[in-house]
Amino acid sequence: LAVFLVSVIYLSRFKQASHIALHTLTWKPLFLTSLLVADKMWEDQPVRNKSVSELFPLLSAPDLTRMELWFLLAIKFNGFVEPKLFTVFCQKLLVEEVHPVIDRRVRESQFALKLVRVGLPHHPESFPLGKEMEKEALAAAAQKEMEKE
């Protein structure tokens, strides 16, 4: 969860530095790249570019490597996320409400249907974790990051 949240922070940095808008053609490769960079920065055993490109064939391994370098240059290789920034980011997420249309579309998506097939809950109160469990998970991730410092 922490890597995912850090990737969103990195993506925000990239967007501010590059002035590239996130739209239907750019959001997937940029998010995938930010997730890869966050994984490499924050995990002891990060995933390899080739594995990511096999899992998400949106980009080939060489393309992903080029995107990664371009992304890092744009954010000036600044992979550090201050604990306070991470905590504030998590706190903002905890109070956000999901728009009903987005909530409905996510629950009706092919991804959600696959989750249901593997036995994960599929009702409003518990998709995918339930509101209270989601808040607890975000708070725990923020606390864990604070303890690392």
N, C-alpha and C. Protein backbone atom coordinates (compact mmCIF):
# COMPACT_ATOMS: atom_id res chain seq x y z
N LEU A 1 0.83 -1.20 0.00
CA LEU A 1 0.00 0.00 0.00
C LEU A 1 0.87 1.26 0.00
N ALA A 2 1.95 1.24 0.78
CA ALA A 2 2.81 2.42 0.86
C ALA A 2 3.43 2.74 -0.49
N VAL A 3 3.86 1.71 -1.23
CA VAL A 3 4.47 1.94 -2.54
C VAL A 3 3.46 2.56 -3.49
N PHE A 4 2.22 2.10 -3.44
CA PHE A 4 1.18 2.67 -4.28
C PHE A 4 0.99 4.15 -3.97
N LEU A 5 0.91 4.48 -2.67
CA LEU A 5 0.71 5.87 -2.28
C LEU A 5 1.90 6.74 -2.68
N VAL A 6 3.11 6.23 -2.50
CA VAL A 6 4.31 6.97 -2.89
C VAL A 6 4.32 7.18 -4.41
N SER A 7 3.86 6.19 -5.16
CA SER A 7 3.83 6.35 -6.62
C SER A 7 2.90 7.49 -7.03
N VAL A 8 1.83 7.69 -6.30
CA VAL A 8 0.93 8.81 -6.60
C VAL A 8 1.62 10.14 -6.29
N ILE A 9 2.39 10.18 -5.22
CA ILE A 9 3.16 11.39 -4.89
C ILE A 9 4.18 11.66 -6.00
N TYR A 10 4.88 10.60 -6.45
CA TYR A 10 5.84 10.76 -7.55
C TYR A 10 5.14 11.25 -8.82
N LEU A 11 3.99 10.70 -9.10
CA LEU A 11 3.26 11.09 -10.30
C LEU A 11 2.87 12.57 -10.23
N SER A 12 2.51 13.02 -9.05
CA SER A 12 2.19 14.43 -8.86
C SER A 12 3.43 15.30 -9.11
N ARG A 13 4.57 14.86 -8.60
CA ARG A 13 5.83 15.59 -8.84
C ARG A 13 6.13 15.65 -10.34
N PHE A 14 5.95 14.52 -11.00
CA PHE A 14 6.22 14.46 -12.44
C PHE A 14 5.31 15.42 -13.19
N LYS A 15 4.05 15.40 -12.85
CA LYS A 15 3.07 16.25 -13.53
C LYS A 15 3.42 17.73 -13.35
N GLN A 16 3.82 18.10 -12.13
CA GLN A 16 4.20 19.49 -11.87
C GLN A 16 5.46 19.88 -12.63
N ALA A 17 6.44 18.98 -12.69
CA ALA A 17 7.71 19.29 -13.34
C ALA A 17 7.62 19.29 -14.85
N SER A 18 6.84 18.38 -15.41
CA SER A 18 6.80 18.22 -16.87
C SER A 18 5.66 18.97 -17.54
N HIS A 19 4.65 19.30 -16.77
CA HIS A 19 3.44 19.95 -17.30
C HIS A 19 2.72 19.06 -18.31
N ILE A 20 2.92 17.76 -18.20
CA ILE A 20 2.23 16.81 -19.07
C ILE A 20 0.92 16.42 -18.39
N ALA A 21 -0.16 16.58 -19.11
CA ALA A 21 -1.47 16.28 -18.55
C ALA A 21 -1.71 14.77 -18.54
N LEU A 22 -2.45 14.32 -17.55
CA LEU A 22 -2.86 12.92 -17.51
C LEU A 22 -4.20 12.81 -18.24
N HIS A 23 -4.20 12.07 -19.33
CA HIS A 23 -5.44 11.84 -20.07
C HIS A 23 -5.44 10.40 -20.55
N THR A 24 -6.36 10.05 -21.38
CA THR A 24 -6.55 8.65 -21.76
C THR A 24 -5.32 8.00 -22.37
N LEU A 25 -4.48 8.74 -23.04
CA LEU A 25 -3.29 8.15 -23.67
C LEU A 25 -2.06 8.15 -22.77
N THR A 26 -2.03 9.01 -21.76
CA THR A 26 -0.80 9.13 -20.95
C THR A 26 -0.89 8.53 -19.56
N TRP A 27 -2.06 8.41 -18.99
CA TRP A 27 -2.12 8.04 -17.57
C TRP A 27 -1.60 6.64 -17.30
N LYS A 28 -1.89 5.68 -18.16
CA LYS A 28 -1.44 4.30 -17.89
C LYS A 28 0.08 4.16 -17.93
N PRO A 29 0.75 4.61 -19.01
CA PRO A 29 2.21 4.46 -19.00
C PRO A 29 2.88 5.28 -17.90
N LEU A 30 2.34 6.47 -17.61
CA LEU A 30 2.94 7.29 -16.56
C LEU A 30 2.72 6.68 -15.17
N PHE A 31 1.52 6.18 -14.93
CA PHE A 31 1.27 5.56 -13.62
C PHE A 31 2.11 4.30 -13.45
N LEU A 32 2.20 3.49 -14.49
CA LEU A 32 3.01 2.28 -14.43
C LEU A 32 4.47 2.62 -14.14
N THR A 33 4.97 3.67 -14.78
CA THR A 33 6.35 4.11 -14.55
C THR A 33 6.53 4.62 -13.12
N SER A 34 5.59 5.41 -12.63
CA SER A 34 5.71 5.92 -11.26
C SER A 34 5.64 4.79 -10.24
N LEU A 35 4.83 3.79 -10.52
CA LEU A 35 4.73 2.63 -9.63
C LEU A 35 6.05 1.85 -9.63
N LEU A 36 6.65 1.70 -10.78
CA LEU A 36 7.93 1.01 -10.89
C LEU A 36 9.02 1.76 -10.13
N VAL A 37 9.08 3.08 -10.30
CA VAL A 37 10.08 3.89 -9.61
C VAL A 37 9.87 3.81 -8.09
N ALA A 38 8.63 3.91 -7.65
CA ALA A 38 8.34 3.82 -6.22
C ALA A 38 8.73 2.45 -5.67
N ASP A 39 8.45 1.41 -6.41
CA ASP A 39 8.81 0.06 -5.98
C ASP A 39 10.33 -0.07 -5.83
N LYS A 40 11.05 0.47 -6.79
CA LYS A 40 12.52 0.39 -6.73
C LYS A 40 13.09 1.22 -5.59
N MET A 41 12.43 2.33 -5.28
CA MET A 41 12.93 3.20 -4.21
C MET A 41 12.60 2.66 -2.82
N TRP A 42 11.47 1.99 -2.66
CA TRP A 42 10.97 1.69 -1.34
C TRP A 42 10.98 0.21 -0.97
N GLU A 43 11.23 -0.67 -1.92
CA GLU A 43 11.21 -2.10 -1.62
C GLU A 43 12.63 -2.65 -1.61
N ASP A 44 12.90 -3.60 -0.69
CA ASP A 44 14.21 -4.22 -0.62
C ASP A 44 14.50 -5.09 -1.84
N GLN A 45 13.48 -5.73 -2.35
CA GLN A 45 13.62 -6.56 -3.55
C GLN A 45 12.62 -6.09 -4.59
N PRO A 46 12.97 -5.03 -5.32
CA PRO A 46 12.01 -4.47 -6.28
C PRO A 46 11.80 -5.37 -7.48
N VAL A 47 10.72 -5.14 -8.14
CA VAL A 47 10.37 -5.87 -9.34
C VAL A 47 11.28 -5.40 -10.49
N ARG A 48 11.53 -6.28 -11.43
CA ARG A 48 12.36 -5.94 -12.59
C ARG A 48 11.49 -5.42 -13.72
N ASN A 49 12.09 -4.56 -14.55
CA ASN A 49 11.35 -3.97 -15.67
C ASN A 49 10.77 -5.04 -16.58
N LYS A 50 11.53 -6.09 -16.84
CA LYS A 50 11.04 -7.16 -17.72
C LYS A 50 9.80 -7.81 -17.13
N SER A 51 9.80 -8.03 -15.81
CA SER A 51 8.63 -8.64 -15.16
C SER A 51 7.41 -7.73 -15.26
N VAL A 52 7.63 -6.44 -15.08
CA VAL A 52 6.52 -5.49 -15.18
C VAL A 52 5.96 -5.48 -16.60
N SER A 53 6.85 -5.48 -17.59
CA SER A 53 6.37 -5.44 -18.98
C SER A 53 5.65 -6.73 -19.36
N GLU A 54 6.01 -7.84 -18.73
CA GLU A 54 5.30 -9.09 -18.99
C GLU A 54 3.92 -9.08 -18.32
N LEU A 55 3.87 -8.52 -17.12
CA LEU A 55 2.62 -8.45 -16.38
C LEU A 55 1.66 -7.42 -16.99
N PHE A 56 2.23 -6.29 -17.41
CA PHE A 56 1.46 -5.21 -18.03
C PHE A 56 2.06 -4.93 -19.41
N PRO A 57 1.62 -5.63 -20.44
CA PRO A 57 2.24 -5.49 -21.76
C PRO A 57 2.01 -4.15 -22.45
N LEU A 58 1.61 -3.17 -21.70
CA LEU A 58 1.42 -1.83 -22.22
C LEU A 58 2.73 -1.27 -22.78
N LEU A 59 3.83 -1.57 -22.10
CA LEU A 59 5.16 -1.10 -22.50
C LEU A 59 6.12 -2.28 -22.55
N SER A 60 7.01 -2.29 -23.53
CA SER A 60 8.05 -3.31 -23.56
C SER A 60 9.09 -2.97 -22.49
N ALA A 61 9.94 -3.91 -22.16
CA ALA A 61 10.98 -3.66 -21.14
C ALA A 61 11.88 -2.49 -21.54
N PRO A 62 12.36 -2.43 -22.81
CA PRO A 62 13.19 -1.27 -23.19
C PRO A 62 12.41 0.05 -23.12
N ASP A 63 11.15 0.03 -23.54
CA ASP A 63 10.32 1.25 -23.45
C ASP A 63 10.14 1.67 -22.01
N LEU A 64 9.90 0.71 -21.14
CA LEU A 64 9.72 0.99 -19.72
C LEU A 64 11.00 1.58 -19.12
N THR A 65 12.15 1.06 -19.53
CA THR A 65 13.43 1.59 -19.05
C THR A 65 13.61 3.03 -19.49
N ARG A 66 13.26 3.33 -20.75
CA ARG A 66 13.35 4.71 -21.23
C ARG A 66 12.38 5.62 -20.47
N MET A 67 11.16 5.13 -20.26
CA MET A 67 10.17 5.92 -19.50
C MET A 67 10.66 6.18 -18.08
N GLU A 68 11.25 5.16 -17.48
CA GLU A 68 11.77 5.29 -16.12
C GLU A 68 12.84 6.39 -16.05
N LEU A 69 13.77 6.38 -16.99
CA LEU A 69 14.82 7.40 -17.01
C LEU A 69 14.23 8.78 -17.24
N TRP A 70 13.33 8.89 -18.19
CA TRP A 70 12.68 10.17 -18.49
C TRP A 70 11.94 10.68 -17.27
N PHE A 71 11.23 9.78 -16.60
CA PHE A 71 10.47 10.13 -15.40
C PHE A 71 11.40 10.64 -14.31
N LEU A 72 12.49 9.89 -14.06
CA LEU A 72 13.45 10.28 -13.02
C LEU A 72 14.12 11.62 -13.33
N LEU A 73 14.44 11.84 -14.59
CA LEU A 73 15.02 13.13 -14.97
C LEU A 73 14.04 14.26 -14.70
N ALA A 74 12.77 14.03 -15.01
CA ALA A 74 11.75 15.07 -14.81
C ALA A 74 11.60 15.41 -13.33
N ILE A 75 11.66 14.41 -12.45
CA ILE A 75 11.51 14.69 -11.01
C ILE A 75 12.88 14.94 -10.35
N LYS A 76 13.90 15.08 -11.19
CA LYS A 76 15.27 15.37 -10.73
C LYS A 76 15.77 14.33 -9.74
N PHE A 77 15.42 13.07 -10.00
CA PHE A 77 15.84 11.93 -9.19
C PHE A 77 15.46 12.10 -7.71
N ASN A 78 14.43 12.90 -7.45
CA ASN A 78 13.99 13.13 -6.07
C ASN A 78 12.99 12.05 -5.67
N GLY A 79 13.49 10.97 -5.09
CA GLY A 79 12.64 9.89 -4.65
C GLY A 79 12.32 9.94 -3.17
N PHE A 80 12.85 10.93 -2.49
CA PHE A 80 12.62 11.04 -1.06
C PHE A 80 11.23 11.60 -0.79
N VAL A 81 10.51 10.96 0.12
CA VAL A 81 9.20 11.44 0.54
C VAL A 81 9.28 11.63 2.06
N GLU A 82 9.14 12.87 2.48
CA GLU A 82 9.20 13.15 3.91
C GLU A 82 8.03 12.47 4.62
N PRO A 83 8.28 11.93 5.81
CA PRO A 83 7.20 11.27 6.55
C PRO A 83 5.99 12.17 6.76
N LYS A 84 6.22 13.44 7.00
CA LYS A 84 5.10 14.36 7.20
C LYS A 84 4.25 14.47 5.94
N LEU A 85 4.89 14.55 4.77
CA LEU A 85 4.16 14.61 3.50
C LEU A 85 3.34 13.34 3.30
N PHE A 86 3.94 12.19 3.59
CA PHE A 86 3.24 10.92 3.45
C PHE A 86 2.03 10.88 4.37
N THR A 87 2.21 11.31 5.61
CA THR A 87 1.13 11.30 6.59
C THR A 87 0.00 12.23 6.17
N VAL A 88 0.34 13.44 5.75
CA VAL A 88 -0.68 14.40 5.30
C VAL A 88 -1.43 13.85 4.09
N PHE A 89 -0.70 13.24 3.17
CA PHE A 89 -1.33 12.64 1.99
C PHE A 89 -2.32 11.57 2.40
N CYS A 90 -1.92 10.69 3.33
CA CYS A 90 -2.82 9.63 3.81
C CYS A 90 -4.04 10.22 4.51
N GLN A 91 -3.83 11.25 5.31
CA GLN A 91 -4.95 11.87 6.02
C GLN A 91 -5.95 12.48 5.05
N LYS A 92 -5.46 13.08 3.97
CA LYS A 92 -6.36 13.65 2.96
C LYS A 92 -7.16 12.53 2.29
N LEU A 93 -6.52 11.41 2.02
CA LEU A 93 -7.23 10.29 1.40
C LEU A 93 -8.32 9.74 2.31
N LEU A 94 -8.06 9.75 3.60
CA LEU A 94 -9.02 9.19 4.54
C LEU A 94 -10.34 9.96 4.57
N VAL A 95 -10.30 11.24 4.26
CA VAL A 95 -11.52 12.04 4.31
C VAL A 95 -12.18 12.19 2.93
N GLU A 96 -11.52 11.71 1.89
CA GLU A 96 -12.08 11.80 0.54
C GLU A 96 -13.28 10.88 0.39
N GLU A 97 -14.25 11.34 -0.32
CA GLU A 97 -15.42 10.53 -0.65
C GLU A 97 -15.32 10.15 -2.13
N VAL A 98 -15.64 8.93 -2.42
CA VAL A 98 -15.62 8.46 -3.81
C VAL A 98 -16.94 8.84 -4.47
N HIS A 99 -16.84 9.46 -5.64
CA HIS A 99 -18.03 9.85 -6.37
C HIS A 99 -18.84 8.59 -6.68
N PRO A 100 -20.16 8.63 -6.51
CA PRO A 100 -20.99 7.44 -6.73
C PRO A 100 -20.83 6.80 -8.11
N VAL A 101 -20.63 7.61 -9.15
CA VAL A 101 -20.46 7.07 -10.49
C VAL A 101 -19.16 6.26 -10.58
N ILE A 102 -18.09 6.79 -9.99
CA ILE A 102 -16.81 6.08 -10.00
C ILE A 102 -16.94 4.79 -9.20
N ASP A 103 -17.57 4.87 -8.04
CA ASP A 103 -17.76 3.69 -7.21
C ASP A 103 -18.52 2.60 -7.97
N ARG A 104 -19.58 2.99 -8.65
CA ARG A 104 -20.39 2.03 -9.42
C ARG A 104 -19.57 1.43 -10.55
N ARG A 105 -18.83 2.27 -11.28
CA ARG A 105 -18.04 1.76 -12.41
C ARG A 105 -16.94 0.81 -11.95
N VAL A 106 -16.32 1.10 -10.82
CA VAL A 106 -15.29 0.20 -10.30
C VAL A 106 -15.90 -1.14 -9.94
N ARG A 107 -17.02 -1.11 -9.22
CA ARG A 107 -17.66 -2.36 -8.82
C ARG A 107 -18.16 -3.18 -10.00
N GLU A 108 -18.49 -2.51 -11.10
CA GLU A 108 -18.98 -3.22 -12.28
C GLU A 108 -17.87 -3.54 -13.28
N SER A 109 -16.63 -3.18 -12.98
CA SER A 109 -15.53 -3.38 -13.91
C SER A 109 -15.14 -4.85 -14.03
N GLN A 110 -14.43 -5.18 -15.09
CA GLN A 110 -13.93 -6.54 -15.29
C GLN A 110 -12.98 -6.93 -14.15
N PHE A 111 -12.20 -5.97 -13.66
CA PHE A 111 -11.29 -6.23 -12.55
C PHE A 111 -12.07 -6.66 -11.32
N ALA A 112 -13.14 -5.95 -11.02
CA ALA A 112 -13.95 -6.29 -9.86
C ALA A 112 -14.58 -7.67 -10.03
N LEU A 113 -15.03 -7.96 -11.24
CA LEU A 113 -15.62 -9.28 -11.50
C LEU A 113 -14.60 -10.39 -11.29
N LYS A 114 -13.35 -10.14 -11.67
CA LYS A 114 -12.29 -11.13 -11.44
C LYS A 114 -12.06 -11.32 -9.94
N LEU A 115 -12.09 -10.22 -9.18
CA LEU A 115 -11.92 -10.33 -7.73
C LEU A 115 -13.02 -11.17 -7.11
N VAL A 116 -14.23 -11.00 -7.59
CA VAL A 116 -15.35 -11.77 -7.07
C VAL A 116 -15.14 -13.25 -7.37
N ARG A 117 -14.63 -13.55 -8.57
CA ARG A 117 -14.40 -14.95 -8.93
C ARG A 117 -13.38 -15.63 -8.04
N VAL A 118 -12.42 -14.86 -7.50
CA VAL A 118 -11.42 -15.46 -6.61
C VAL A 118 -11.85 -15.39 -5.15
N GLY A 119 -13.08 -14.97 -4.92
CA GLY A 119 -13.64 -15.05 -3.57
C GLY A 119 -13.56 -13.80 -2.73
N LEU A 120 -13.20 -12.66 -3.30
CA LEU A 120 -13.19 -11.44 -2.51
C LEU A 120 -14.60 -10.85 -2.47
N PRO A 121 -14.94 -10.14 -1.41
CA PRO A 121 -16.31 -9.62 -1.25
C PRO A 121 -16.67 -8.63 -2.35
N HIS A 122 -17.96 -8.60 -2.68
CA HIS A 122 -18.42 -7.70 -3.72
C HIS A 122 -19.77 -7.08 -3.33
N HIS A 123 -19.74 -6.29 -2.30
CA HIS A 123 -20.92 -5.51 -1.96
C HIS A 123 -20.45 -4.16 -1.46
N PRO A 124 -21.27 -3.12 -1.56
CA PRO A 124 -20.82 -1.75 -1.30
C PRO A 124 -20.10 -1.56 0.02
N GLU A 125 -20.54 -2.25 1.06
CA GLU A 125 -19.94 -2.03 2.37
C GLU A 125 -18.54 -2.62 2.49
N SER A 126 -18.19 -3.55 1.61
CA SER A 126 -16.90 -4.21 1.78
C SER A 126 -16.10 -4.33 0.49
N PHE A 127 -16.28 -3.43 -0.44
CA PHE A 127 -15.51 -3.51 -1.68
C PHE A 127 -14.40 -2.49 -1.69
N PRO A 128 -13.16 -2.84 -1.85
CA PRO A 128 -12.67 -4.20 -1.68
C PRO A 128 -12.41 -4.52 -0.21
N LEU A 129 -12.23 -3.51 0.64
CA LEU A 129 -11.93 -3.78 2.05
C LEU A 129 -13.02 -3.31 3.00
N GLY A 130 -13.88 -2.48 2.55
CA GLY A 130 -14.84 -1.86 3.45
C GLY A 130 -14.28 -0.53 3.91
N LYS A 131 -15.13 0.43 4.14
CA LYS A 131 -14.71 1.79 4.46
C LYS A 131 -13.84 1.85 5.71
N GLU A 132 -14.26 1.19 6.79
CA GLU A 132 -13.49 1.25 8.03
C GLU A 132 -12.14 0.54 7.90
N MET A 133 -12.13 -0.63 7.26
CA MET A 133 -10.88 -1.35 7.07
C MET A 133 -9.93 -0.57 6.17
N GLU A 134 -10.48 0.10 5.17
CA GLU A 134 -9.67 0.91 4.27
C GLU A 134 -9.01 2.05 5.05
N LYS A 135 -9.78 2.71 5.91
CA LYS A 135 -9.22 3.79 6.72
C LYS A 135 -8.16 3.27 7.67
N GLU A 136 -8.42 2.12 8.27
CA GLU A 136 -7.43 1.52 9.17
C GLU A 136 -6.16 1.15 8.43
N ALA A 137 -6.29 0.62 7.21
CA ALA A 137 -5.12 0.23 6.43
C ALA A 137 -4.28 1.45 6.06
N LEU A 138 -4.93 2.54 5.66
CA LEU A 138 -4.20 3.76 5.33
C LEU A 138 -3.51 4.34 6.56
N ALA A 139 -4.21 4.35 7.68
CA ALA A 139 -3.62 4.87 8.92
C ALA A 139 -2.44 4.02 9.35
N ALA A 140 -2.55 2.70 9.24
CA ALA A 140 -1.46 1.80 9.60
C ALA A 140 -0.26 2.01 8.69
N ALA A 141 -0.50 2.21 7.39
CA ALA A 141 0.60 2.45 6.45
C ALA A 141 1.31 3.75 6.78
N ALA A 142 0.56 4.79 7.11
CA ALA A 142 1.16 6.07 7.49
C ALA A 142 1.98 5.92 8.76
N GLN A 143 1.45 5.20 9.74
CA GLN A 143 2.18 4.98 10.99
C GLN A 143 3.46 4.19 10.75
N LYS A 144 3.39 3.18 9.91
CA LYS A 144 4.56 2.35 9.61
C LYS A 144 5.66 3.20 8.95
N GLU A 145 5.29 4.07 8.05
CA GLU A 145 6.27 4.93 7.38
C GLU A 145 6.89 5.90 8.38
N MET A 146 6.09 6.40 9.32
CA MET A 146 6.61 7.32 10.34
C MET A 146 7.61 6.60 11.23
N GLU A 147 7.35 5.34 11.56
CA GLU A 147 8.24 4.58 12.43
C GLU A 147 9.57 4.26 11.77
N LYS A 148 9.61 4.20 10.45
CA LYS A 148 10.84 3.92 9.73
C LYS A 148 11.86 5.05 9.92
N GLU A 149 11.35 6.25 10.12
CA GLU A 149 12.24 7.42 10.24
C GLU A 149 12.84 7.54 11.58
